[in-house]
Amino acid sequence: MLTVLSPENLPGQALSITVTVGGVLALILGAMATGGGFSWNTLKTITTPRPRHTTLLAGHGIALLGVCVVMTIAAFAGAALGAYGITLLEPIPAVAPPVGDLATAIAVAVLIIAVWCALGVCLAMLFRGTGWAIGLGLAYLF
């Protein structure tokens, strides 16, 4: 068990946890960010005088991608703190994971979380609200 939790296995362990829990949070985030405009009737108000729907959707996409990157980096940082904390408590070597493997795992996690967020956005636009989007998205996820 200690070898699984060691820092050299950090990319695989952090990726598995980040994708499952992060996927749930990203789906809800995407549905709330997009579906809220339909629920609160702010989408009509925003798009009437200024931007078009495509501009607004691109802005949402860029902002949500930034949040997905921050979520992933925070999750991997927490996993790294936990892995190195275990090395302080238990007699296992603190061998750092290969940088290439860590970068690949972070990139894959960002991509997977962004896809779950995009699913939340699509469901919120399809149902024009947040309730059905979150409910059906979580039902599909679980």
C-alpha atoms as a PDB file:
ATOM      1  CA  MET A   1       0.000   0.000   0.000  1.00  0.00           C
ATOM      2  CA  LEU A   2       2.814   2.384   0.773  1.00  0.00           C
ATOM      3  CA  THR A   3       4.408   1.886  -2.640  1.00  0.00           C
ATOM      4  CA  VAL A   4       1.138   2.847  -4.318  1.00  0.00           C
ATOM      5  CA  LEU A   5       0.999   6.066  -2.295  1.00  0.00           C
ATOM      6  CA  SER A   6       4.665   6.931  -2.814  1.00  0.00           C
ATOM      7  CA  PRO A   7       5.577  10.105  -4.742  1.00  0.00           C
ATOM      8  CA  GLU A   8       6.938   8.165  -7.720  1.00  0.00           C
ATOM      9  CA  ASN A   9       3.395   6.866  -8.405  1.00  0.00           C
ATOM     10  CA  LEU A  10       1.894  10.357  -8.083  1.00  0.00           C
ATOM     11  CA  PRO A  11       0.849  10.858 -11.747  1.00  0.00           C
ATOM     12  CA  GLY A  12      -1.325   7.746 -11.926  1.00  0.00           C
ATOM     13  CA  GLN A  13      -2.863   8.097  -8.484  1.00  0.00           C
ATOM     14  CA  ALA A  14      -3.586  11.805  -8.810  1.00  0.00           C
ATOM     15  CA  LEU A  15      -5.013  11.302 -12.294  1.00  0.00           C
ATOM     16  CA  SER A  16      -7.458   8.634 -11.145  1.00  0.00           C
ATOM     17  CA  ILE A  17      -8.764  10.736  -8.264  1.00  0.00           C
ATOM     18  CA  THR A  18      -8.798  14.013 -10.197  1.00  0.00           C
ATOM     19  CA  VAL A  19     -10.765  12.595 -13.096  1.00  0.00           C
ATOM     20  CA  THR A  20     -13.534  11.069 -10.980  1.00  0.00           C
ATOM     21  CA  VAL A  21     -14.099  13.831  -8.450  1.00  0.00           C
ATOM     22  CA  GLY A  22     -13.035  16.596 -10.824  1.00  0.00           C
ATOM     23  CA  GLY A  23     -15.415  15.318 -13.482  1.00  0.00           C
ATOM     24  CA  VAL A  24     -18.369  15.698 -11.143  1.00  0.00           C
ATOM     25  CA  LEU A  25     -17.344  19.214 -10.163  1.00  0.00           C
ATOM     26  CA  ALA A  26     -16.606  20.215 -13.761  1.00  0.00           C
ATOM     27  CA  LEU A  27     -19.975  18.955 -14.982  1.00  0.00           C
ATOM     28  CA  ILE A  28     -21.764  20.983 -12.335  1.00  0.00           C
ATOM     29  CA  LEU A  29     -19.556  24.006 -13.052  1.00  0.00           C
ATOM     30  CA  GLY A  30     -20.296  23.902 -16.781  1.00  0.00           C
ATOM     31  CA  ALA A  31     -24.027  23.499 -16.235  1.00  0.00           C
ATOM     32  CA  MET A  32     -24.187  26.294 -13.672  1.00  0.00           C
ATOM     33  CA  ALA A  33     -22.064  28.708 -15.714  1.00  0.00           C
ATOM     34  CA  THR A  34     -24.174  28.321 -18.845  1.00  0.00           C
ATOM     35  CA  GLY A  35     -27.575  27.273 -17.564  1.00  0.00           C
ATOM     36  CA  GLY A  36     -27.762  30.132 -15.092  1.00  0.00           C
ATOM     37  CA  GLY A  37     -28.175  32.586 -17.950  1.00  0.00           C
ATOM     38  CA  PHE A  38     -31.330  30.786 -19.056  1.00  0.00           C
ATOM     39  CA  SER A  39     -32.727  30.328 -15.549  1.00  0.00           C
ATOM     40  CA  TRP A  40     -32.232  33.910 -14.431  1.00  0.00           C
ATOM     41  CA  ASN A  41     -33.110  35.457 -17.831  1.00  0.00           C
ATOM     42  CA  THR A  42     -29.754  37.252 -17.951  1.00  0.00           C
ATOM     43  CA  LEU A  43     -28.774  35.731 -21.301  1.00  0.00           C
ATOM     44  CA  LYS A  44     -31.354  37.834 -23.148  1.00  0.00           C
ATOM     45  CA  THR A  45     -30.228  40.945 -21.322  1.00  0.00           C
ATOM     46  CA  ILE A  46     -26.553  40.334 -22.069  1.00  0.00           C
ATOM     47  CA  THR A  47     -26.931  39.514 -25.765  1.00  0.00           C
ATOM     48  CA  THR A  48     -29.446  42.228 -26.666  1.00  0.00           C
ATOM     49  CA  PRO A  49     -27.154  45.279 -26.770  1.00  0.00           C
ATOM     50  CA  ARG A  50     -23.652  43.868 -27.197  1.00  0.00           C
ATOM     51  CA  PRO A  51     -22.120  40.464 -27.910  1.00  0.00           C
ATOM     52  CA  ARG A  52     -23.471  37.727 -30.085  1.00  0.00           C
ATOM     53  CA  HIS A  53     -24.136  34.238 -28.777  1.00  0.00           C
ATOM     54  CA  THR A  54     -20.944  32.882 -30.354  1.00  0.00           C
ATOM     55  CA  THR A  55     -18.823  35.546 -28.654  1.00  0.00           C
ATOM     56  CA  LEU A  56     -20.506  34.883 -25.353  1.00  0.00           C
ATOM     57  CA  LEU A  57     -20.027  31.124 -25.733  1.00  0.00           C
ATOM     58  CA  ALA A  58     -16.344  31.592 -26.601  1.00  0.00           C
ATOM     59  CA  GLY A  59     -15.873  33.738 -23.505  1.00  0.00           C
ATOM     60  CA  HIS A  60     -17.570  31.114 -21.357  1.00  0.00           C
ATOM     61  CA  GLY A  61     -15.383  28.424 -22.907  1.00  0.00           C
ATOM     62  CA  ILE A  62     -12.134  30.273 -22.247  1.00  0.00           C
ATOM     63  CA  ALA A  63     -13.108  31.100 -18.678  1.00  0.00           C
ATOM     64  CA  LEU A  64     -14.240  27.535 -17.966  1.00  0.00           C
ATOM     65  CA  LEU A  65     -11.041  26.112 -19.453  1.00  0.00           C
ATOM     66  CA  GLY A  66      -9.050  28.363 -17.122  1.00  0.00           C
ATOM     67  CA  VAL A  67     -11.029  27.086 -14.153  1.00  0.00           C
ATOM     68  CA  CYS A  68     -10.439  23.485 -15.283  1.00  0.00           C
ATOM     69  CA  VAL A  69      -6.681  24.127 -15.402  1.00  0.00           C
ATOM     70  CA  VAL A  70      -6.720  25.663 -11.923  1.00  0.00           C
ATOM     71  CA  MET A  71      -8.790  22.755 -10.555  1.00  0.00           C
ATOM     72  CA  THR A  72      -6.354  20.235 -12.005  1.00  0.00           C
ATOM     73  CA  ILE A  73      -3.243  21.975 -10.723  1.00  0.00           C
ATOM     74  CA  ALA A  74      -4.783  22.309  -7.265  1.00  0.00           C
ATOM     75  CA  ALA A  75      -5.699  18.622  -7.230  1.00  0.00           C
ATOM     76  CA  PHE A  76      -2.219  17.536  -8.280  1.00  0.00           C
ATOM     77  CA  ALA A  77      -0.630  19.871  -5.733  1.00  0.00           C
ATOM     78  CA  GLY A  78      -2.792  18.379  -2.984  1.00  0.00           C
ATOM     79  CA  ALA A  79      -1.907  14.864  -4.112  1.00  0.00           C
ATOM     80  CA  ALA A  80       1.793  15.771  -4.094  1.00  0.00           C
ATOM     81  CA  LEU A  81       1.531  17.189  -0.584  1.00  0.00           C
ATOM     82  CA  GLY A  82      -0.170  14.009   0.561  1.00  0.00           C
ATOM     83  CA  ALA A  83       2.380  11.749  -1.114  1.00  0.00           C
ATOM     84  CA  TYR A  84       5.348  13.617   0.320  1.00  0.00           C
ATOM     85  CA  GLY A  85       3.627  13.794   3.707  1.00  0.00           C
ATOM     86  CA  ILE A  86       3.439  10.004   3.730  1.00  0.00           C
ATOM     87  CA  THR A  87       7.184   9.830   3.093  1.00  0.00           C
ATOM     88  CA  LEU A  88       7.729  11.888   6.231  1.00  0.00           C
ATOM     89  CA  LEU A  89       5.625   9.529   8.336  1.00  0.00           C
ATOM     90  CA  GLU A  90       6.646   6.187   6.844  1.00  0.00           C
ATOM     91  CA  PRO A  91      10.051   4.781   5.924  1.00  0.00           C
ATOM     92  CA  ILE A  92       9.705   4.945   2.136  1.00  0.00           C
ATOM     93  CA  PRO A  93      12.023   6.868  -0.202  1.00  0.00           C
ATOM     94  CA  ALA A  94      10.837  10.203  -1.543  1.00  0.00           C
ATOM     95  CA  VAL A  95      11.609   9.614  -5.219  1.00  0.00           C
ATOM     96  CA  ALA A  96      10.122  12.272  -7.464  1.00  0.00           C
ATOM     97  CA  PRO A  97       8.073  11.101 -10.442  1.00  0.00           C
ATOM     98  CA  PRO A  98       9.463  11.628 -13.940  1.00  0.00           C
ATOM     99  CA  VAL A  99       8.662  15.147 -15.129  1.00  0.00           C
ATOM    100  CA  GLY A 100       7.382  13.893 -18.486  1.00  0.00           C
ATOM    101  CA  ASP A 101       4.934  11.512 -16.833  1.00  0.00           C
ATOM    102  CA  LEU A 102       3.721  14.231 -14.487  1.00  0.00           C
ATOM    103  CA  ALA A 103       3.224  16.738 -17.316  1.00  0.00           C
ATOM    104  CA  THR A 104       1.380  14.145 -19.392  1.00  0.00           C
ATOM    105  CA  ALA A 105      -0.888  13.231 -16.481  1.00  0.00           C
ATOM    106  CA  ILE A 106      -1.704  16.897 -15.835  1.00  0.00           C
ATOM    107  CA  ALA A 107      -2.479  17.497 -19.524  1.00  0.00           C
ATOM    108  CA  VAL A 108      -4.702  14.415 -19.682  1.00  0.00           C
ATOM    109  CA  ALA A 109      -6.521  15.450 -16.501  1.00  0.00           C
ATOM    110  CA  VAL A 110      -7.161  18.953 -17.873  1.00  0.00           C
ATOM    111  CA  LEU A 111      -8.511  17.473 -21.096  1.00  0.00           C
ATOM    112  CA  ILE A 112     -10.816  15.014 -19.334  1.00  0.00           C
ATOM    113  CA  ILE A 113     -12.109  17.638 -16.910  1.00  0.00           C
ATOM    114  CA  ALA A 114     -12.669  20.064 -19.796  1.00  0.00           C
ATOM    115  CA  VAL A 115     -14.721  17.421 -21.630  1.00  0.00           C
ATOM    116  CA  TRP A 116     -16.926  16.883 -18.564  1.00  0.00           C
ATOM    117  CA  CYS A 117     -17.324  20.653 -18.254  1.00  0.00           C
ATOM    118  CA  ALA A 118     -18.276  20.861 -21.949  1.00  0.00           C
ATOM    119  CA  LEU A 119     -20.859  18.125 -21.386  1.00  0.00           C
ATOM    120  CA  GLY A 120     -22.370  20.235 -18.604  1.00  0.00           C
ATOM    121  CA  VAL A 121     -22.430  23.262 -20.918  1.00  0.00           C
ATOM    122  CA  CYS A 122     -24.082  21.278 -23.723  1.00  0.00           C
ATOM    123  CA  LEU A 123     -26.718  19.792 -21.436  1.00  0.00           C
ATOM    124  CA  ALA A 124     -27.465  23.208 -19.934  1.00  0.00           C
ATOM    125  CA  MET A 125     -27.918  24.693 -23.398  1.00  0.00           C
ATOM    126  CA  LEU A 126     -30.040  21.754 -24.532  1.00  0.00           C
ATOM    127  CA  PHE A 127     -32.387  21.931 -21.547  1.00  0.00           C
ATOM    128  CA  ARG A 128     -32.071  25.724 -21.116  1.00  0.00           C
ATOM    129  CA  GLY A 129     -31.474  25.459 -17.396  1.00  0.00           C
ATOM    130  CA  THR A 130     -29.402  23.833 -14.705  1.00  0.00           C
ATOM    131  CA  GLY A 131     -31.652  21.280 -13.014  1.00  0.00           C
ATOM    132  CA  TRP A 132     -32.085  18.769 -15.817  1.00  0.00           C
ATOM    133  CA  ALA A 133     -28.524  19.310 -17.010  1.00  0.00           C
ATOM    134  CA  ILE A 134     -26.970  18.494 -13.652  1.00  0.00           C
ATOM    135  CA  GLY A 135     -29.390  15.648 -12.945  1.00  0.00           C
ATOM    136  CA  LEU A 136     -28.927  13.861 -16.265  1.00  0.00           C
ATOM    137  CA  GLY A 137     -25.203  14.579 -16.332  1.00  0.00           C
ATOM    138  CA  LEU A 138     -24.676  13.067 -12.892  1.00  0.00           C
ATOM    139  CA  ALA A 139     -26.880  10.107 -13.767  1.00  0.00           C
ATOM    140  CA  TYR A 140     -24.737   9.476 -16.837  1.00  0.00           C
ATOM    141  CA  LEU A 141     -21.531   9.960 -14.836  1.00  0.00           C
ATOM    142  CA  PHE A 142     -22.462   7.502 -12.110  1.00  0.00           C
END
